[in-house]
Protein backbone atom coordinates (compact mmCIF):
# COMPACT_ATOMS: atom_id res chain seq x y z
CA MET A 1 0.00 0.00 0.00
CA ILE A 2 1.25 3.46 -0.88
CA ALA A 3 0.44 5.71 2.08
CA ASN A 4 -1.36 9.02 1.57
CA VAL A 5 0.13 11.62 3.91
CA LEU A 6 -1.11 15.15 4.54
CA THR A 7 1.16 18.04 5.46
CA ILE A 8 -0.39 21.13 7.10
CA ALA A 9 2.23 23.88 7.12
CA GLY A 10 3.61 27.13 5.72
CA THR A 11 5.50 27.62 2.48
CA ASP A 12 9.16 28.16 1.62
CA PRO A 13 9.83 29.72 -1.81
CA SER A 14 13.45 28.55 -1.68
CA GLY A 15 12.26 24.96 -1.35
CA GLY A 16 14.27 23.81 1.65
CA ALA A 17 11.72 23.93 4.45
CA GLY A 18 7.98 24.06 5.05
CA ILE A 19 5.51 22.37 2.73
CA GLN A 20 8.06 22.11 -0.06
CA ALA A 21 10.45 20.12 2.14
CA ASP A 22 7.56 18.04 3.47
CA ILE A 23 6.39 17.01 0.00
CA LYS A 24 9.95 16.20 -1.09
CA THR A 25 10.55 14.07 2.01
CA MET A 26 7.28 12.16 1.77
CA SER A 27 7.84 11.53 -1.92
CA ALA A 28 11.43 10.35 -1.39
CA LEU A 29 10.19 7.84 1.18
CA GLY A 30 7.48 6.41 -1.05
CA ALA A 31 4.37 8.20 0.24
CA TYR A 32 1.84 10.23 -1.74
CA ALA A 33 1.84 13.78 -0.36
CA CYS A 34 -1.22 16.02 0.02
CA SER A 35 -0.92 19.55 1.42
CA VAL A 36 -2.81 22.28 3.22
CA VAL A 37 -1.23 25.75 3.40
CA THR A 38 -1.52 27.69 6.66
CA ALA A 39 0.73 30.64 5.80
CA VAL A 40 2.56 32.05 2.81
CA VAL A 41 6.12 32.84 3.85
CA ALA A 42 8.63 35.15 2.15
CA GLN A 43 11.92 33.45 2.98
CA ASN A 44 15.12 32.11 1.48
CA THR A 45 18.24 30.39 2.77
CA CYS A 46 19.29 33.60 4.54
CA GLY A 47 16.13 34.06 6.57
CA VAL A 48 12.44 34.94 6.79
CA ARG A 49 11.36 38.36 5.59
CA SER A 50 7.65 38.18 6.40
CA PHE A 51 4.64 35.90 6.29
CA GLN A 52 0.91 36.12 5.74
CA ALA A 53 -1.25 33.72 7.74
CA LEU A 54 -4.31 32.48 5.89
CA ASP A 55 -7.83 32.82 7.26
CA PRO A 56 -8.56 29.95 9.69
CA ASP A 57 -11.86 29.16 7.95
CA PHE A 58 -10.00 28.81 4.65
CA VAL A 59 -7.45 26.49 6.28
CA ALA A 60 -10.36 24.44 7.63
CA ASP A 61 -11.94 24.32 4.16
CA GLN A 62 -8.68 23.02 2.69
CA ILE A 63 -8.55 20.24 5.30
CA ASP A 64 -12.16 19.28 4.63
CA SER A 65 -11.58 19.24 0.87
CA VAL A 66 -8.77 16.70 1.27
CA LEU A 67 -10.16 14.49 4.02
CA GLU A 68 -13.64 14.24 2.51
CA ASP A 69 -12.09 12.77 -0.62
CA VAL A 70 -8.74 11.13 0.11
CA ARG A 71 -7.89 8.35 2.57
CA ILE A 72 -5.22 9.97 4.73
CA ASP A 73 -2.96 7.54 6.59
CA ALA A 74 -0.88 10.12 8.49
CA VAL A 75 -0.77 13.86 9.08
CA LYS A 76 2.20 16.14 9.65
CA ILE A 77 1.50 19.55 11.24
CA GLY A 78 4.15 22.25 10.93
CA MET A 79 3.77 26.02 10.99
CA ILE A 80 0.35 27.08 12.27
CA ALA A 81 1.11 30.83 12.62
CA ASN A 82 -1.66 31.80 15.07
CA ALA A 83 -4.22 30.58 17.59
CA GLY A 84 -7.14 30.70 15.17
CA ILE A 85 -5.41 28.33 12.76
CA ALA A 86 -4.41 26.03 15.63
CA ARG A 87 -8.01 25.71 16.75
CA ALA A 88 -9.28 25.26 13.17
CA VAL A 89 -6.76 22.49 12.48
CA SER A 90 -7.61 20.74 15.73
CA ASP A 91 -11.36 20.96 15.10
CA ARG A 92 -11.22 19.54 11.57
CA LEU A 93 -8.75 16.76 12.34
CA ARG A 94 -10.89 15.67 15.29
CA HIS A 95 -14.00 15.82 13.10
CA HIS A 96 -12.40 13.54 10.51
CA ALA A 97 -10.84 11.22 13.14
CA ALA A 98 -7.37 11.72 11.65
CA ARG A 99 -4.69 9.31 12.83
CA ASN A 100 -0.90 9.07 12.98
CA ILE A 101 -0.56 12.80 13.66
CA VAL A 102 3.00 14.14 13.84
CA LEU A 103 3.22 17.64 15.33
CA ASP A 104 6.37 19.66 14.75
CA PRO A 105 5.79 22.69 16.99
CA VAL A 106 7.40 25.23 14.66
CA MET A 107 7.97 28.49 16.52
CA VAL A 108 11.17 30.06 15.19
CA ALA A 109 12.95 29.78 11.84
CA LYS A 110 16.64 28.85 11.76
CA SER A 111 17.35 32.52 11.07
CA GLY A 112 15.70 33.42 14.38
CA HIS A 113 12.51 34.90 12.89
CA ALA A 114 9.36 34.09 14.91
CA LEU A 115 6.88 31.93 12.98
CA LEU A 116 4.23 31.71 15.70
CA ASP A 117 2.37 34.54 17.42
CA PRO A 118 3.16 34.53 21.17
CA GLU A 119 -0.52 34.17 22.08
CA ALA A 120 -0.73 31.08 19.86
CA VAL A 121 1.60 29.02 22.06
CA SER A 122 -1.16 28.18 24.53
CA ALA A 123 -3.50 27.26 21.66
CA LEU A 124 -0.87 24.95 20.21
CA ARG A 125 -0.25 23.42 23.63
CA GLU A 126 -3.95 22.95 24.46
CA ALA A 127 -5.54 22.22 21.06
CA LEU A 128 -2.88 20.40 19.04
CA VAL A 129 -0.46 18.65 21.38
CA PRO A 130 -3.16 16.38 22.94
CA LEU A 131 -4.27 15.47 19.41
CA ALA A 132 -0.79 14.34 18.35
CA THR A 133 0.50 10.82 18.20
CA VAL A 134 3.99 12.27 18.54
CA ILE A 135 5.41 15.76 18.99
CA THR A 136 8.93 16.57 17.77
CA PRO A 137 10.18 19.69 19.59
CA ASN A 138 13.77 20.84 19.51
CA LEU A 139 15.19 22.16 22.77
CA PRO A 140 14.14 25.83 22.38
CA GLU A 141 10.62 24.72 21.43
CA ALA A 142 10.46 22.35 24.39
CA ALA A 143 11.48 25.20 26.68
CA VAL A 144 8.57 27.29 25.39
CA LEU A 145 6.09 24.41 25.69
CA LEU A 146 7.14 23.82 29.30
CA ASN A 147 7.65 27.50 30.14
CA ARG A 148 11.14 26.74 31.43
CA PRO A 149 14.61 28.23 30.76
CA ASP A 150 16.25 27.26 27.49
CA ASP A 151 19.22 25.74 29.30
CA TRP A 152 19.71 22.06 28.48
CA SER A 153 21.92 19.04 28.99
CA THR A 154 21.33 15.37 28.27
CA ALA A 155 20.29 14.95 31.90
CA THR A 156 17.72 17.76 31.82
CA MET A 157 16.42 16.42 28.49
CA THR A 158 15.62 13.11 30.16
CA ALA A 159 14.14 14.84 33.19
CA ALA A 160 11.82 16.94 30.98
CA LEU A 161 10.25 13.98 29.16
CA PRO A 162 7.52 13.24 31.76
CA ASP A 163 6.45 16.90 31.72
CA LEU A 164 6.32 16.91 27.93
CA LEU A 165 4.28 13.69 27.88
CA SER A 166 1.90 15.18 30.43
CA LEU A 167 0.87 17.75 27.79
CA GLY A 168 -1.09 14.96 26.14
CA SER A 169 0.66 13.41 23.13
CA GLU A 170 1.22 9.66 23.05
CA TYR A 171 4.92 10.02 22.24
CA VAL A 172 7.55 12.76 22.47
CA LEU A 173 10.66 12.94 20.31
CA LEU A 174 12.89 15.51 22.03
CA LYS A 175 15.62 16.57 19.60
CA GLY A 176 19.01 17.41 21.04
CA GLY A 177 20.66 18.96 18.00
CA HIS A 178 21.18 22.27 19.80
CA LEU A 179 23.59 20.67 22.29
CA GLU A 180 27.33 20.54 21.67
CA GLY A 181 29.23 17.34 20.99
CA ALA A 182 30.36 14.91 18.32
CA HIS A 183 26.94 13.25 18.22
CA SER A 184 23.39 14.52 17.88
CA THR A 185 21.23 12.78 20.48
CA ASP A 186 17.43 12.58 20.42
CA LEU A 187 15.17 10.96 23.01
CA LEU A 188 11.94 9.14 22.13
CA ALA A 189 9.56 8.71 25.06
CA GLY A 190 6.25 6.88 25.11
CA PRO A 191 4.37 3.88 26.51
CA GLU A 192 7.37 1.59 25.91
CA GLY A 193 9.75 3.84 27.86
CA ILE A 194 12.65 5.95 26.62
CA GLN A 195 14.79 5.21 23.57
CA THR A 196 18.02 7.07 22.81
CA LEU A 197 18.87 7.77 19.18
CA ARG A 198 22.38 9.00 18.35
CA ALA A 199 23.99 9.95 15.07
CA PRO A 200 27.39 11.50 14.29
CA ARG A 201 27.06 15.25 13.98
CA ILE A 202 27.55 16.47 10.40
CA THR A 203 29.36 19.76 9.91
CA THR A 204 27.55 21.65 7.16
CA THR A 205 25.73 24.93 6.66
CA ASN A 206 23.14 23.09 4.55
CA ASP A 207 20.78 22.40 7.42
CA HIS A 208 17.74 24.44 6.37
CA GLY A 209 14.50 22.55 7.01
CA THR A 210 15.90 19.69 9.08
CA GLY A 211 13.00 19.78 11.54
CA CYS A 212 10.45 19.78 8.71
CA THR A 213 12.27 16.91 7.03
CA LEU A 214 12.46 14.73 10.14
CA SER A 215 8.81 15.16 11.12
CA SER A 216 7.67 14.56 7.53
CA ALA A 217 9.80 11.44 7.34
CA ILE A 218 8.16 10.10 10.49
CA SER A 219 4.70 10.76 9.07
CA ALA A 220 5.59 9.00 5.81
CA LEU A 221 6.86 5.94 7.69
CA LEU A 222 4.25 5.63 10.47
CA PRO A 223 1.60 3.94 8.28
CA HIS A 224 4.03 1.02 7.80
CA HIS A 225 6.00 0.86 11.06
CA ASP A 226 5.60 1.20 14.81
CA MET A 227 6.75 4.46 16.36
CA ALA A 228 10.24 3.37 17.38
CA GLU A 229 10.99 1.95 13.94
CA ALA A 230 9.50 4.93 12.11
CA VAL A 231 11.57 7.38 14.17
CA THR A 232 14.74 5.32 13.78
CA ARG A 233 14.33 5.15 10.00
CA ALA A 234 13.40 8.85 9.81
CA LYS A 235 16.53 9.86 11.72
CA ALA A 236 18.64 7.67 9.43
CA TYR A 237 17.07 9.38 6.41
CA LEU A 238 17.78 12.83 7.87
CA HIS A 239 21.39 11.86 8.53
CA ALA A 240 21.78 10.69 4.93
CA VAL A 241 20.26 13.80 3.36
CA LEU A 242 22.44 16.00 5.57
CA ALA A 243 25.52 14.00 4.64
CA GLN A 244 24.78 14.53 0.94
CA SER A 245 23.66 18.16 1.24
CA ASP A 246 26.96 19.67 0.09
CA ALA A 247 26.26 18.26 -3.38
CA LEU A 248 23.70 21.07 -3.72
CA ASP A 249 24.51 24.72 -4.39
CA VAL A 250 21.37 26.59 -3.34
CA GLY A 251 21.50 30.08 -1.84
CA HIS A 252 24.01 32.00 0.24
CA GLY A 253 22.83 31.10 3.74
CA HIS A 254 21.66 27.85 5.32
CA GLY A 255 21.14 25.69 2.26
CA PRO A 256 18.73 22.75 1.97
CA VAL A 257 19.39 19.09 2.63
CA HIS A 258 19.48 16.73 -0.37
CA HIS A 259 16.07 15.06 -0.14
CA PHE A 260 16.45 13.11 -3.39
CA HIS A 261 20.12 12.09 -3.12
CA ALA A 262 19.34 8.37 -3.36
CA LEU A 263 17.02 8.73 -6.37
CA TRP A 264 19.30 11.11 -8.28
CA ALA A 265 22.29 8.87 -7.64
CA SER A 266 20.45 5.81 -8.98
CA ASP A 267 19.45 7.80 -12.07
CA GLY A 268 23.07 8.68 -12.74
């Protein structure tokens, strides 16, 4: 079965993050990608200039138009922009009994530009996190979700997992990429306990859209694998596309990862 996966997120004209990265990732991993746009973003590899959030009712209408017609096997939620969109997404996904929901709580672009209104954090926390099968915060995002200082170590990452799970998702993948060290360490927590996932850290400036890519990879894999296997395979995919990212020459800032490295290599 080819899985149908829906991404609900903002755009990236430069193609490295947002819905464009989501569709590339899902396609590279053998899923059919559908999409709902929440915000139109003016950005490139150097940063975000501005964005326009869409009307929440229009976002809801997009979701209905897909889910009333297409069997959706998993959903990835990225940039939601504001509280109204968060509530609209939650309402429609609950209405359609969506499953395998991967929530990437996008709050700040790699350039440091805010992608979520401050008043929307509580809406994301209360309306979307309890709906999610898994949330995939990085350390700054986890600090905001828990209203705690953004001061982390591997020990405090482990200690924070029960508090993150108490927000209501079934699983939490806490990403440790912001820590220093030769390895990037993520922690997956859920009903089976805690699993540690490590990968050698890759030195490259082509790391635009890594969070979008990882969460989209999980959503593409969840229809075929349990959570631990889906996350393990998704992290392996992210490591591979980062390792091959220097083959691309896109932009003057944080370039994209190479989503299609395996396909392009096999095509010569």
